[in-house]
Structures are given as C-alpha cells and as structure tokens.
Amino acid sequence: MVRICASSDLQERALAFRFVVQNGARERAAIALRYDGQVYAYINECAHIPIELDFNPGDVFDLSRQFLVCSTHGAYYDPTNGLCLGGPCTGRRLSPLTVIEKDEAVWLLEEK
C-alpha cells in the first residue's frame, strides 16, 4: 500500500487531492475525492482526450457538486464509478484506482 493523504485532506464534495501514480517508468496524474462519505480515486484524465480534468488544481466537481466535470470538454462523470453521463465521451469511464481508508489515511492498493 502507498499512502496518498490524510483522511482529513478529503472533504465531502470539495477539492480533490492530486497525487502521482507510478506505472513502471511512467508517472500519471491522479485524484482522490470524497463523495457521500466514501473515498474514490481515478487517473486524472478525461475519457475523451487524455488531458487532466481540472484546470484549477483539484477542482473537479461541477457547480452542483453532484458530478465530476472535465474543465476542457465539459464531459461529466458519476463520482462513484467514473461513468461519463454526458458530453463527448458518454458511456466511457475514468480509469479507477483501488483505495482504502485506514488509520486516518487514504491508501492506494498497488496493482499486481
């Protein structure tokens, strides 16, 4: 497991916590967020064109705080499963990361 952040760094439907995931020699931007009390994490890339969702760091929620939104394309996603519900990539998904919350911290479970 790799520690991402303290649990207190993720406030309900607020700014996402940005971090980096190592994939072999490649680094990928990622985000962790809290939605309805649960923690979710995704690779920070729009399913339409792989650019980061947030123009302002961590600002991935729409104005209603119900959906994640790509600041470039306007695609919007279900925060609980990464499914694109509208926009240029409807039906596609953000790439999820497996995380757990334990000992007042958020941990990334490493893929095997």
PDB file of N, CA and C in Angstrom:
ATOM      1  N   MET A   1       0.844  -1.189   0.000  1.00  0.00           N
ATOM      2  CA  MET A   1       0.000   0.000   0.000  1.00  0.00           C
ATOM      3  C   MET A   1       0.883   1.244   0.000  1.00  0.00           C
ATOM      4  N   VAL A   2       0.376   2.267  -0.640  1.00  0.00           N
ATOM      5  CA  VAL A   2       1.068   3.551  -0.695  1.00  0.00           C
ATOM      6  C   VAL A   2       0.143   4.613  -0.107  1.00  0.00           C
ATOM      7  N   ARG A   3       0.645   5.372   0.844  1.00  0.00           N
ATOM      8  CA  ARG A   3      -0.164   6.426   1.463  1.00  0.00           C
ATOM      9  C   ARG A   3      -0.341   7.578   0.478  1.00  0.00           C
ATOM     10  N   ILE A   4      -1.592   7.983   0.281  1.00  0.00           N
ATOM     11  CA  ILE A   4      -1.894   9.104  -0.612  1.00  0.00           C
ATOM     12  C   ILE A   4      -1.982  10.402   0.180  1.00  0.00           C
ATOM     13  N   CYS A   5      -2.786  10.389   1.243  1.00  0.00           N
ATOM     14  CA  CYS A   5      -3.010  11.605   2.023  1.00  0.00           C
ATOM     15  C   CYS A   5      -3.680  11.246   3.342  1.00  0.00           C
ATOM     16  N   ALA A   6      -3.809  12.233   4.199  1.00  0.00           N
ATOM     17  CA  ALA A   6      -4.586  12.064   5.429  1.00  0.00           C
ATOM     18  C   ALA A   6      -6.072  12.060   5.070  1.00  0.00           C
ATOM     19  N   SER A   7      -6.861  11.317   5.810  1.00  0.00           N
ATOM     20  CA  SER A   7      -8.312  11.305   5.569  1.00  0.00           C
ATOM     21  C   SER A   7      -8.896  12.711   5.623  1.00  0.00           C
ATOM     22  N   SER A   8      -8.375  13.533   6.512  1.00  0.00           N
ATOM     23  CA  SER A   8      -8.885  14.902   6.676  1.00  0.00           C
ATOM     24  C   SER A   8      -8.597  15.797   5.471  1.00  0.00           C
ATOM     25  N   ASP A   9      -7.700  15.363   4.572  1.00  0.00           N
ATOM     26  CA  ASP A   9      -7.422  16.138   3.356  1.00  0.00           C
ATOM     27  C   ASP A   9      -8.563  16.052   2.350  1.00  0.00           C
ATOM     28  N   LEU A  10      -9.455  15.079   2.522  1.00  0.00           N
ATOM     29  CA  LEU A  10     -10.573  14.897   1.596  1.00  0.00           C
ATOM     30  C   LEU A  10     -11.867  15.304   2.274  1.00  0.00           C
ATOM     31  N   GLN A  11     -12.337  16.476   1.936  1.00  0.00           N
ATOM     32  CA  GLN A  11     -13.610  16.971   2.462  1.00  0.00           C
ATOM     33  C   GLN A  11     -14.721  16.592   1.489  1.00  0.00           C
ATOM     34  N   GLU A  12     -15.912  16.420   2.020  1.00  0.00           N
ATOM     35  CA  GLU A  12     -17.072  15.998   1.234  1.00  0.00           C
ATOM     36  C   GLU A  12     -17.334  16.934   0.055  1.00  0.00           C
ATOM     37  N   ARG A  13     -17.274  16.369  -1.167  1.00  0.00           N
ATOM     38  CA  ARG A  13     -17.579  17.090  -2.416  1.00  0.00           C
ATOM     39  C   ARG A  13     -16.807  18.404  -2.541  1.00  0.00           C
ATOM     40  N   ALA A  14     -15.565  18.387  -2.116  1.00  0.00           N
ATOM     41  CA  ALA A  14     -14.708  19.578  -2.173  1.00  0.00           C
ATOM     42  C   ALA A  14     -13.566  19.310  -3.159  1.00  0.00           C
ATOM     43  N   LEU A  15     -12.497  20.061  -3.034  1.00  0.00           N
ATOM     44  CA  LEU A  15     -11.358  19.867  -3.928  1.00  0.00           C
ATOM     45  C   LEU A  15     -10.817  18.450  -3.811  1.00  0.00           C
ATOM     46  N   ALA A  16     -10.462  17.881  -4.945  1.00  0.00           N
ATOM     47  CA  ALA A  16      -9.824  16.566  -4.964  1.00  0.00           C
ATOM     48  C   ALA A  16      -8.362  16.721  -4.547  1.00  0.00           C
ATOM     49  N   PHE A  17      -7.800  15.651  -4.032  1.00  0.00           N
ATOM     50  CA  PHE A  17      -6.385  15.633  -3.676  1.00  0.00           C
ATOM     51  C   PHE A  17      -5.624  15.070  -4.870  1.00  0.00           C
ATOM     52  N   ARG A  18      -4.675  15.844  -5.374  1.00  0.00           N
ATOM     53  CA  ARG A  18      -3.880  15.422  -6.526  1.00  0.00           C
ATOM     54  C   ARG A  18      -2.661  14.637  -6.050  1.00  0.00           C
ATOM     55  N   PHE A  19      -2.342  13.564  -6.779  1.00  0.00           N
ATOM     56  CA  PHE A  19      -1.144  12.782  -6.487  1.00  0.00           C
ATOM     57  C   PHE A  19      -0.664  12.127  -7.777  1.00  0.00           C
ATOM     58  N   VAL A  20       0.459  11.445  -7.704  1.00  0.00           N
ATOM     59  CA  VAL A  20       1.058  10.821  -8.885  1.00  0.00           C
ATOM     60  C   VAL A  20       1.135   9.317  -8.667  1.00  0.00           C
ATOM     61  N   VAL A  21       0.805   8.570  -9.711  1.00  0.00           N
ATOM     62  CA  VAL A  21       0.886   7.112  -9.689  1.00  0.00           C
ATOM     63  C   VAL A  21       2.034   6.695 -10.599  1.00  0.00           C
ATOM     64  N   GLN A  22       2.885   5.823 -10.098  1.00  0.00           N
ATOM     65  CA  GLN A  22       3.966   5.261 -10.914  1.00  0.00           C
ATOM     66  C   GLN A  22       3.436   4.038 -11.643  1.00  0.00           C
ATOM     67  N   ASN A  23       3.605   4.011 -12.934  1.00  0.00           N
ATOM     68  CA  ASN A  23       3.233   2.850 -13.745  1.00  0.00           C
ATOM     69  C   ASN A  23       4.480   2.456 -14.521  1.00  0.00           C
ATOM     70  N   GLY A  24       5.328   1.638 -13.891  1.00  0.00           N
ATOM     71  CA  GLY A  24       6.631   1.341 -14.483  1.00  0.00           C
ATOM     72  C   GLY A  24       7.462   2.608 -14.462  1.00  0.00           C
ATOM     73  N   ALA A  25       7.971   3.008 -15.606  1.00  0.00           N
ATOM     74  CA  ALA A  25       8.763   4.236 -15.697  1.00  0.00           C
ATOM     75  C   ALA A  25       7.885   5.468 -15.908  1.00  0.00           C
ATOM     76  N   ARG A  26       6.603   5.246 -16.132  1.00  0.00           N
ATOM     77  CA  ARG A  26       5.677   6.344 -16.446  1.00  0.00           C
ATOM     78  C   ARG A  26       4.964   6.851 -15.196  1.00  0.00           C
ATOM     79  N   GLU A  27       4.892   8.159 -15.065  1.00  0.00           N
ATOM     80  CA  GLU A  27       4.117   8.785 -13.990  1.00  0.00           C
ATOM     81  C   GLU A  27       2.799   9.279 -14.565  1.00  0.00           C
ATOM     82  N   ARG A  28       1.713   9.065 -13.801  1.00  0.00           N
ATOM     83  CA  ARG A  28       0.399   9.532 -14.240  1.00  0.00           C
ATOM     84  C   ARG A  28      -0.246  10.339 -13.129  1.00  0.00           C
ATOM     85  N   ALA A  29      -0.856  11.451 -13.515  1.00  0.00           N
ATOM     86  CA  ALA A  29      -1.574  12.281 -12.549  1.00  0.00           C
ATOM     87  C   ALA A  29      -2.830  11.541 -12.108  1.00  0.00           C
ATOM     88  N   ALA A  30      -3.170  11.689 -10.829  1.00  0.00           N
ATOM     89  CA  ALA A  30      -4.349  11.025 -10.276  1.00  0.00           C
ATOM     90  C   ALA A  30      -5.031  11.960  -9.283  1.00  0.00           C
ATOM     91  N   ILE A  31      -6.277  11.630  -8.956  1.00  0.00           N
ATOM     92  CA  ILE A  31      -7.042  12.404  -7.977  1.00  0.00           C
ATOM     93  C   ILE A  31      -7.751  11.456  -7.016  1.00  0.00           C
ATOM     94  N   ALA A  32      -7.878  11.900  -5.781  1.00  0.00           N
ATOM     95  CA  ALA A  32      -8.694  11.206  -4.780  1.00  0.00           C
ATOM     96  C   ALA A  32      -9.723  12.207  -4.285  1.00  0.00           C
ATOM     97  N   LEU A  33     -10.934  11.738  -4.003  1.00  0.00           N
ATOM     98  CA  LEU A  33     -12.011  12.628  -3.587  1.00  0.00           C
ATOM     99  C   LEU A  33     -12.954  11.898  -2.648  1.00  0.00           C
ATOM    100  N   ARG A  34     -13.743  12.676  -1.930  1.00  0.00           N
ATOM    101  CA  ARG A  34     -14.755  12.101  -1.038  1.00  0.00           C
ATOM    102  C   ARG A  34     -16.139  12.495  -1.575  1.00  0.00           C
ATOM    103  N   TYR A  35     -17.004  11.478  -1.708  1.00  0.00           N
ATOM    104  CA  TYR A  35     -18.358  11.697  -2.211  1.00  0.00           C
ATOM    105  C   TYR A  35     -19.303  10.807  -1.415  1.00  0.00           C
ATOM    106  N   ASP A  36     -20.301  11.400  -0.791  1.00  0.00           N
ATOM    107  CA  ASP A  36     -21.246  10.679   0.076  1.00  0.00           C
ATOM    108  C   ASP A  36     -20.525   9.812   1.109  1.00  0.00           C
ATOM    109  N   GLY A  37     -19.460  10.369   1.666  1.00  0.00           N
ATOM    110  CA  GLY A  37     -18.728   9.713   2.740  1.00  0.00           C
ATOM    111  C   GLY A  37     -17.715   8.676   2.306  1.00  0.00           C
ATOM    112  N   GLN A  38     -17.704   8.316   1.036  1.00  0.00           N
ATOM    113  CA  GLN A  38     -16.772   7.311   0.523  1.00  0.00           C
ATOM    114  C   GLN A  38     -15.624   7.984  -0.220  1.00  0.00           C
ATOM    115  N   VAL A  39     -14.486   7.300  -0.240  1.00  0.00           N
ATOM    116  CA  VAL A  39     -13.323   7.809  -0.964  1.00  0.00           C
ATOM    117  C   VAL A  39     -13.211   7.082  -2.298  1.00  0.00           C
ATOM    118  N   TYR A  40     -12.967   7.847  -3.350  1.00  0.00           N
ATOM    119  CA  TYR A  40     -12.778   7.319  -4.697  1.00  0.00           C
ATOM    120  C   TYR A  40     -11.505   7.924  -5.271  1.00  0.00           C
ATOM    121  N   ALA A  41     -10.869   7.201  -6.195  1.00  0.00           N
ATOM    122  CA  ALA A  41      -9.667   7.726  -6.851  1.00  0.00           C
ATOM    123  C   ALA A  41      -9.673   7.301  -8.318  1.00  0.00           C
ATOM    124  N   TYR A  42      -9.169   8.197  -9.144  1.00  0.00           N
ATOM    125  CA  TYR A  42      -9.123   7.962 -10.585  1.00  0.00           C
ATOM    126  C   TYR A  42      -7.835   8.536 -11.161  1.00  0.00           C
ATOM    127  N   ILE A  43      -7.413   7.966 -12.295  1.00  0.00           N
ATOM    128  CA  ILE A  43      -6.375   8.625 -13.081  1.00  0.00           C
ATOM    129  C   ILE A  43      -6.992   9.937 -13.547  1.00  0.00           C
ATOM    130  N   ASN A  44      -6.249  11.012 -13.440  1.00  0.00           N
ATOM    131  CA  ASN A  44      -6.770  12.345 -13.759  1.00  0.00           C
ATOM    132  C   ASN A  44      -6.665  12.616 -15.258  1.00  0.00           C
ATOM    133  N   GLU A  45      -7.468  11.878 -16.028  1.00  0.00           N
ATOM    134  CA  GLU A  45      -7.507  12.048 -17.483  1.00  0.00           C
ATOM    135  C   GLU A  45      -8.943  11.903 -17.963  1.00  0.00           C
ATOM    136  N   CYS A  46      -9.385  12.847 -18.752  1.00  0.00           N
ATOM    137  CA  CYS A  46     -10.705  12.772 -19.371  1.00  0.00           C
ATOM    138  C   CYS A  46     -10.765  11.532 -20.266  1.00  0.00           C
ATOM    139  N   ALA A  47     -11.917  10.875 -20.308  1.00  0.00           N
ATOM    140  CA  ALA A  47     -12.089   9.692 -21.155  1.00  0.00           C
ATOM    141  C   ALA A  47     -12.193  10.063 -22.635  1.00  0.00           C
ATOM    142  N   HIS A  48     -12.388  11.329 -22.939  1.00  0.00           N
ATOM    143  CA  HIS A  48     -12.495  11.791 -24.322  1.00  0.00           C
ATOM    144  C   HIS A  48     -11.110  11.943 -24.934  1.00  0.00           C
ATOM    145  N   ILE A  49     -10.323  12.819 -24.380  1.00  0.00           N
ATOM    146  CA  ILE A  49      -8.928  13.035 -24.770  1.00  0.00           C
ATOM    147  C   ILE A  49      -8.147  13.060 -23.468  1.00  0.00           C
ATOM    148  N   PRO A  50      -7.050  12.322 -23.364  1.00  0.00           N
ATOM    149  CA  PRO A  50      -6.365  12.185 -22.068  1.00  0.00           C
ATOM    150  C   PRO A  50      -5.650  13.456 -21.590  1.00  0.00           C
ATOM    151  N   ILE A  51      -6.454  14.433 -21.173  1.00  0.00           N
ATOM    152  CA  ILE A  51      -5.912  15.618 -20.510  1.00  0.00           C
ATOM    153  C   ILE A  51      -6.530  15.681 -19.117  1.00  0.00           C
ATOM    154  N   GLU A  52      -5.869  16.368 -18.203  1.00  0.00           N
ATOM    155  CA  GLU A  52      -6.354  16.430 -16.826  1.00  0.00           C
ATOM    156  C   GLU A  52      -7.723  17.095 -16.750  1.00  0.00           C
ATOM    157  N   LEU A  53      -8.554  16.594 -15.853  1.00  0.00           N
ATOM    158  CA  LEU A  53      -9.909  17.127 -15.687  1.00  0.00           C
ATOM    159  C   LEU A  53      -9.907  18.545 -15.151  1.00  0.00           C
ATOM    160  N   ASP A  54      -8.997  18.831 -14.236  1.00  0.00           N
ATOM    161  CA  ASP A  54      -9.024  20.098 -13.502  1.00  0.00           C
ATOM    162  C   ASP A  54      -8.120  21.154 -14.121  1.00  0.00           C
ATOM    163  N   PHE A  55      -8.714  22.309 -14.421  1.00  0.00           N
ATOM    164  CA  PHE A  55      -7.927  23.465 -14.856  1.00  0.00           C
ATOM    165  C   PHE A  55      -7.291  24.106 -13.631  1.00  0.00           C
ATOM    166  N   ASN A  56      -8.087  24.299 -12.585  1.00  0.00           N
ATOM    167  CA  ASN A  56      -7.575  24.745 -11.285  1.00  0.00           C
ATOM    168  C   ASN A  56      -7.320  23.486 -10.465  1.00  0.00           C
ATOM    169  N   PRO A  57      -6.132  23.328  -9.901  1.00  0.00           N
ATOM    170  CA  PRO A  57      -5.759  22.078  -9.232  1.00  0.00           C
ATOM    171  C   PRO A  57      -6.801  21.573  -8.225  1.00  0.00           C
ATOM    172  N   GLY A  58      -7.265  20.348  -8.463  1.00  0.00           N
ATOM    173  CA  GLY A  58      -8.209  19.695  -7.567  1.00  0.00           C
ATOM    174  C   GLY A  58      -9.664  20.051  -7.777  1.00  0.00           C
ATOM    175  N   ASP A  59      -9.948  21.027  -8.614  1.00  0.00           N
ATOM    176  CA  ASP A  59     -11.322  21.498  -8.821  1.00  0.00           C
ATOM    177  C   ASP A  59     -11.998  20.643  -9.899  1.00  0.00           C
ATOM    178  N   VAL A  60     -12.543  19.497  -9.489  1.00  0.00           N
ATOM    179  CA  VAL A  60     -13.119  18.552 -10.448  1.00  0.00           C
ATOM    180  C   VAL A  60     -14.638  18.429 -10.356  1.00  0.00           C
ATOM    181  N   PHE A  61     -15.249  19.010  -9.333  1.00  0.00           N
ATOM    182  CA  PHE A  61     -16.710  18.930  -9.212  1.00  0.00           C
ATOM    183  C   PHE A  61     -17.375  20.053 -10.003  1.00  0.00           C
ATOM    184  N   ASP A  62     -18.564  19.758 -10.544  1.00  0.00           N
ATOM    185  CA  ASP A  62     -19.351  20.799 -11.203  1.00  0.00           C
ATOM    186  C   ASP A  62     -19.951  21.716 -10.134  1.00  0.00           C
ATOM    187  N   LEU A  63     -20.668  22.742 -10.554  1.00  0.00           N
ATOM    188  CA  LEU A  63     -21.218  23.717  -9.606  1.00  0.00           C
ATOM    189  C   LEU A  63     -22.234  23.110  -8.645  1.00  0.00           C
ATOM    190  N   SER A  64     -22.937  22.055  -9.074  1.00  0.00           N
ATOM    191  CA  SER A  64     -23.923  21.411  -8.200  1.00  0.00           C
ATOM    192  C   SER A  64     -23.269  20.478  -7.180  1.00  0.00           C
ATOM    193  N   ARG A  65     -22.002  20.168  -7.371  1.00  0.00           N
ATOM    194  CA  ARG A  65     -21.235  19.240  -6.517  1.00  0.00           C
ATOM    195  C   ARG A  65     -21.765  17.814  -6.634  1.00  0.00           C
ATOM    196  N   GLN A  66     -22.495  17.516  -7.716  1.00  0.00           N
ATOM    197  CA  GLN A  66     -23.053  16.181  -7.950  1.00  0.00           C
ATOM    198  C   GLN A  66     -22.206  15.339  -8.896  1.00  0.00           C
ATOM    199  N   PHE A  67     -21.450  16.001  -9.776  1.00  0.00           N
ATOM    200  CA  PHE A  67     -20.720  15.295 -10.825  1.00  0.00           C
ATOM    201  C   PHE A  67     -19.282  15.792 -10.900  1.00  0.00           C
ATOM    202  N   LEU A  68     -18.411  14.922 -11.413  1.00  0.00           N
ATOM    203  CA  LEU A  68     -17.066  15.346 -11.784  1.00  0.00           C
ATOM    204  C   LEU A  68     -17.176  15.885 -13.200  1.00  0.00           C
ATOM    205  N   VAL A  69     -16.399  16.902 -13.521  1.00  0.00           N
ATOM    206  CA  VAL A  69     -16.512  17.505 -14.844  1.00  0.00           C
ATOM    207  C   VAL A  69     -15.128  17.808 -15.414  1.00  0.00           C
ATOM    208  N   CYS A  70     -14.991  17.603 -16.710  1.00  0.00           N
ATOM    209  CA  CYS A  70     -13.762  17.974 -17.406  1.00  0.00           C
ATOM    210  C   CYS A  70     -13.846  19.461 -17.722  1.00  0.00           C
ATOM    211  N   SER A  71     -12.896  20.221 -17.230  1.00  0.00           N
ATOM    212  CA  SER A  71     -12.932  21.671 -17.426  1.00  0.00           C
ATOM    213  C   SER A  71     -12.692  22.066 -18.880  1.00  0.00           C
ATOM    214  N   THR A  72     -12.165  21.164 -19.693  1.00  0.00           N
ATOM    215  CA  THR A  72     -11.910  21.470 -21.100  1.00  0.00           C
ATOM    216  C   THR A  72     -13.079  21.078 -21.992  1.00  0.00           C
ATOM    217  N   HIS A  73     -13.577  19.851 -21.847  1.00  0.00           N
ATOM    218  CA  HIS A  73     -14.595  19.329 -22.759  1.00  0.00           C
ATOM    219  C   HIS A  73     -16.017  19.410 -22.228  1.00  0.00           C
ATOM    220  N   GLY A  74     -16.169  19.617 -20.920  1.00  0.00           N
ATOM    221  CA  GLY A  74     -17.499  19.650 -20.328  1.00  0.00           C
ATOM    222  C   GLY A  74     -18.110  18.280 -20.104  1.00  0.00           C
ATOM    223  N   ALA A  75     -17.339  17.217 -20.344  1.00  0.00           N
ATOM    224  CA  ALA A  75     -17.844  15.871 -20.050  1.00  0.00           C
ATOM    225  C   ALA A  75     -18.086  15.778 -18.552  1.00  0.00           C
ATOM    226  N   TYR A  76     -19.179  15.127 -18.154  1.00  0.00           N
ATOM    227  CA  TYR A  76     -19.422  14.985 -16.723  1.00  0.00           C
ATOM    228  C   TYR A  76     -19.594  13.518 -16.360  1.00  0.00           C
ATOM    229  N   TYR A  77     -19.100  13.191 -15.160  1.00  0.00           N
ATOM    230  CA  TYR A  77     -18.935  11.810 -14.721  1.00  0.00           C
ATOM    231  C   TYR A  77     -19.601  11.565 -13.376  1.00  0.00           C
ATOM    232  N   ASP A  78     -20.066  10.335 -13.193  1.00  0.00           N
ATOM    233  CA  ASP A  78     -20.570   9.882 -11.901  1.00  0.00           C
ATOM    234  C   ASP A  78     -19.362   9.702 -10.981  1.00  0.00           C
ATOM    235  N   PRO A  79     -19.312  10.400  -9.840  1.00  0.00           N
ATOM    236  CA  PRO A  79     -18.154  10.290  -8.951  1.00  0.00           C
ATOM    237  C   PRO A  79     -17.961   8.898  -8.351  1.00  0.00           C
ATOM    238  N   THR A  80     -19.016   8.077  -8.320  1.00  0.00           N
ATOM    239  CA  THR A  80     -18.919   6.773  -7.667  1.00  0.00           C
ATOM    240  C   THR A  80     -18.361   5.666  -8.553  1.00  0.00           C
ATOM    241  N   ASN A  81     -18.398   5.868  -9.867  1.00  0.00           N
ATOM    242  CA  ASN A  81     -17.897   4.815 -10.758  1.00  0.00           C
ATOM    243  C   ASN A  81     -17.162   5.344 -11.987  1.00  0.00           C
ATOM    244  N   GLY A  82     -17.069   6.661 -12.138  1.00  0.00           N
ATOM    245  CA  GLY A  82     -16.324   7.249 -13.243  1.00  0.00           C
ATOM    246  C   GLY A  82     -17.021   7.203 -14.584  1.00  0.00           C
ATOM    247  N   LEU A  83     -18.284   6.777 -14.625  1.00  0.00           N
ATOM    248  CA  LEU A  83     -19.011   6.681 -15.891  1.00  0.00           C
ATOM    249  C   LEU A  83     -19.333   8.070 -16.425  1.00  0.00           C
ATOM    250  N   CYS A  84     -19.025   8.302 -17.700  1.00  0.00           N
ATOM    251  CA  CYS A  84     -19.367   9.571 -18.340  1.00  0.00           C
ATOM    252  C   CYS A  84     -20.857   9.560 -18.661  1.00  0.00           C
ATOM    253  N   LEU A  85     -21.570  10.521 -18.097  1.00  0.00           N
ATOM    254  CA  LEU A  85     -23.022  10.608 -18.246  1.00  0.00           C
ATOM    255  C   LEU A  85     -23.453  11.592 -19.321  1.00  0.00           C
ATOM    256  N   GLY A  86     -22.518  12.419 -19.798  1.00  0.00           N
ATOM    257  CA  GLY A  86     -22.845  13.389 -20.829  1.00  0.00           C
ATOM    258  C   GLY A  86     -21.597  14.063 -21.345  1.00  0.00           C
ATOM    259  N   GLY A  87     -21.668  14.503 -22.585  1.00  0.00           N
ATOM    260  CA  GLY A  87     -20.512  15.134 -23.202  1.00  0.00           C
ATOM    261  C   GLY A  87     -19.953  14.259 -24.312  1.00  0.00           C
ATOM    262  N   PRO A  88     -18.757  14.568 -24.791  1.00  0.00           N
ATOM    263  CA  PRO A  88     -18.213  13.891 -25.968  1.00  0.00           C
ATOM    264  C   PRO A  88     -17.794  12.438 -25.746  1.00  0.00           C
ATOM    265  N   CYS A  89     -17.839  11.939 -24.524  1.00  0.00           N
ATOM    266  CA  CYS A  89     -17.398  10.554 -24.272  1.00  0.00           C
ATOM    267  C   CYS A  89     -18.445   9.761 -23.499  1.00  0.00           C
ATOM    268  N   THR A  90     -19.719  10.075 -23.695  1.00  0.00           N
ATOM    269  CA  THR A  90     -20.811   9.403 -22.986  1.00  0.00           C
ATOM    270  C   THR A  90     -20.655   7.886 -23.080  1.00  0.00           C
ATOM    271  N   GLY A  91     -20.766   7.232 -21.911  1.00  0.00           N
ATOM    272  CA  GLY A  91     -20.661   5.782 -21.854  1.00  0.00           C
ATOM    273  C   GLY A  91     -19.266   5.263 -21.546  1.00  0.00           C
ATOM    274  N   ARG A  92     -18.260   6.098 -21.700  1.00  0.00           N
ATOM    275  CA  ARG A  92     -16.895   5.688 -21.354  1.00  0.00           C
ATOM    276  C   ARG A  92     -16.655   6.023 -19.887  1.00  0.00           C
ATOM    277  N   ARG A  93     -15.502   5.598 -19.351  1.00  0.00           N
ATOM    278  CA  ARG A  93     -15.233   5.779 -17.922  1.00  0.00           C
ATOM    279  C   ARG A  93     -13.850   6.346 -17.658  1.00  0.00           C
ATOM    280  N   LEU A  94     -13.764   7.027 -16.525  1.00  0.00           N
ATOM    281  CA  LEU A  94     -12.461   7.370 -15.980  1.00  0.00           C
ATOM    282  C   LEU A  94     -11.797   6.073 -15.527  1.00  0.00           C
ATOM    283  N   SER A  95     -10.474   6.052 -15.480  1.00  0.00           N
ATOM    284  CA  SER A  95      -9.742   4.863 -15.026  1.00  0.00           C
ATOM    285  C   SER A  95      -9.673   4.869 -13.505  1.00  0.00           C
ATOM    286  N   PRO A  96     -10.334   3.892 -12.850  1.00  0.00           N
ATOM    287  CA  PRO A  96     -10.367   3.885 -11.385  1.00  0.00           C
ATOM    288  C   PRO A  96      -9.073   3.359 -10.777  1.00  0.00           C
ATOM    289  N   LEU A  97      -8.819   3.795  -9.562  1.00  0.00           N
ATOM    290  CA  LEU A  97      -7.720   3.281  -8.751  1.00  0.00           C
ATOM    291  C   LEU A  97      -8.333   2.708  -7.480  1.00  0.00           C
ATOM    292  N   THR A  98      -7.772   1.632  -6.984  1.00  0.00           N
ATOM    293  CA  THR A  98      -8.299   0.997  -5.780  1.00  0.00           C
ATOM    294  C   THR A  98      -7.679   1.639  -4.551  1.00  0.00           C
ATOM    295  N   VAL A  99      -8.531   2.223  -3.713  1.00  0.00           N
ATOM    296  CA  VAL A  99      -8.066   2.894  -2.498  1.00  0.00           C
ATOM    297  C   VAL A  99      -8.865   2.400  -1.297  1.00  0.00           C
ATOM    298  N   ILE A 100      -8.247   2.511  -0.129  1.00  0.00           N
ATOM    299  CA  ILE A 100      -8.944   2.228   1.120  1.00  0.00           C
ATOM    300  C   ILE A 100      -8.638   3.355   2.096  1.00  0.00           C
ATOM    301  N   GLU A 101      -9.514   3.495   3.063  1.00  0.00           N
ATOM    302  CA  GLU A 101      -9.309   4.471   4.127  1.00  0.00           C
ATOM    303  C   GLU A 101      -9.064   3.689   5.413  1.00  0.00           C
ATOM    304  N   LYS A 102      -7.898   3.904   6.021  1.00  0.00           N
ATOM    305  CA  LYS A 102      -7.494   3.139   7.202  1.00  0.00           C
ATOM    306  C   LYS A 102      -6.539   3.983   8.032  1.00  0.00           C
ATOM    307  N   ASP A 103      -6.696   3.930   9.356  1.00  0.00           N
ATOM    308  CA  ASP A 103      -5.801   4.646  10.273  1.00  0.00           C
ATOM    309  C   ASP A 103      -5.710   6.134   9.943  1.00  0.00           C
ATOM    310  N   GLU A 104      -6.872   6.739   9.644  1.00  0.00           N
ATOM    311  CA  GLU A 104      -6.969   8.171   9.356  1.00  0.00           C
ATOM    312  C   GLU A 104      -6.146   8.606   8.147  1.00  0.00           C
ATOM    313  N   ALA A 105      -5.975   7.675   7.200  1.00  0.00           N
ATOM    314  CA  ALA A 105      -5.250   7.982   5.967  1.00  0.00           C
ATOM    315  C   ALA A 105      -5.940   7.284   4.795  1.00  0.00           C
ATOM    316  N   VAL A 106      -5.635   7.758   3.592  1.00  0.00           N
ATOM    317  CA  VAL A 106      -6.125   7.142   2.362  1.00  0.00           C
ATOM    318  C   VAL A 106      -4.934   6.446   1.714  1.00  0.00           C
ATOM    319  N   TRP A 107      -5.137   5.188   1.353  1.00  0.00           N
ATOM    320  CA  TRP A 107      -4.065   4.349   0.833  1.00  0.00           C
ATOM    321  C   TRP A 107      -4.414   3.831  -0.555  1.00  0.00           C
ATOM    322  N   LEU A 108      -3.432   3.846  -1.440  1.00  0.00           N
ATOM    323  CA  LEU A 108      -3.562   3.259  -2.771  1.00  0.00           C
ATOM    324  C   LEU A 108      -3.114   1.809  -2.679  1.00  0.00           C
ATOM    325  N   LEU A 109      -3.972   0.902  -3.117  1.00  0.00           N
ATOM    326  CA  LEU A 109      -3.593  -0.506  -3.185  1.00  0.00           C
ATOM    327  C   LEU A 109      -2.879  -0.720  -4.509  1.00  0.00           C
ATOM    328  N   GLU A 110      -1.689  -1.217  -4.449  1.00  0.00           N
ATOM    329  CA  GLU A 110      -0.888  -1.393  -5.654  1.00  0.00           C
ATOM    330  C   GLU A 110      -1.431  -2.538  -6.493  1.00  0.00           C
ATOM    331  N   GLU A 111      -1.473  -2.309  -7.791  1.00  0.00           N
ATOM    332  CA  GLU A 111      -1.943  -3.331  -8.728  1.00  0.00           C
ATOM    333  C   GLU A 111      -0.860  -4.379  -8.909  1.00  0.00           C
ATOM    334  N   LYS A 112      -1.285  -5.631  -9.090  1.00  0.00           N
ATOM    335  CA  LYS A 112      -0.310  -6.717  -9.293  1.00  0.00           C
ATOM    336  C   LYS A 112      -0.275  -7.137 -10.730  1.00  0.00           C
TER     337      LYS A 112
END
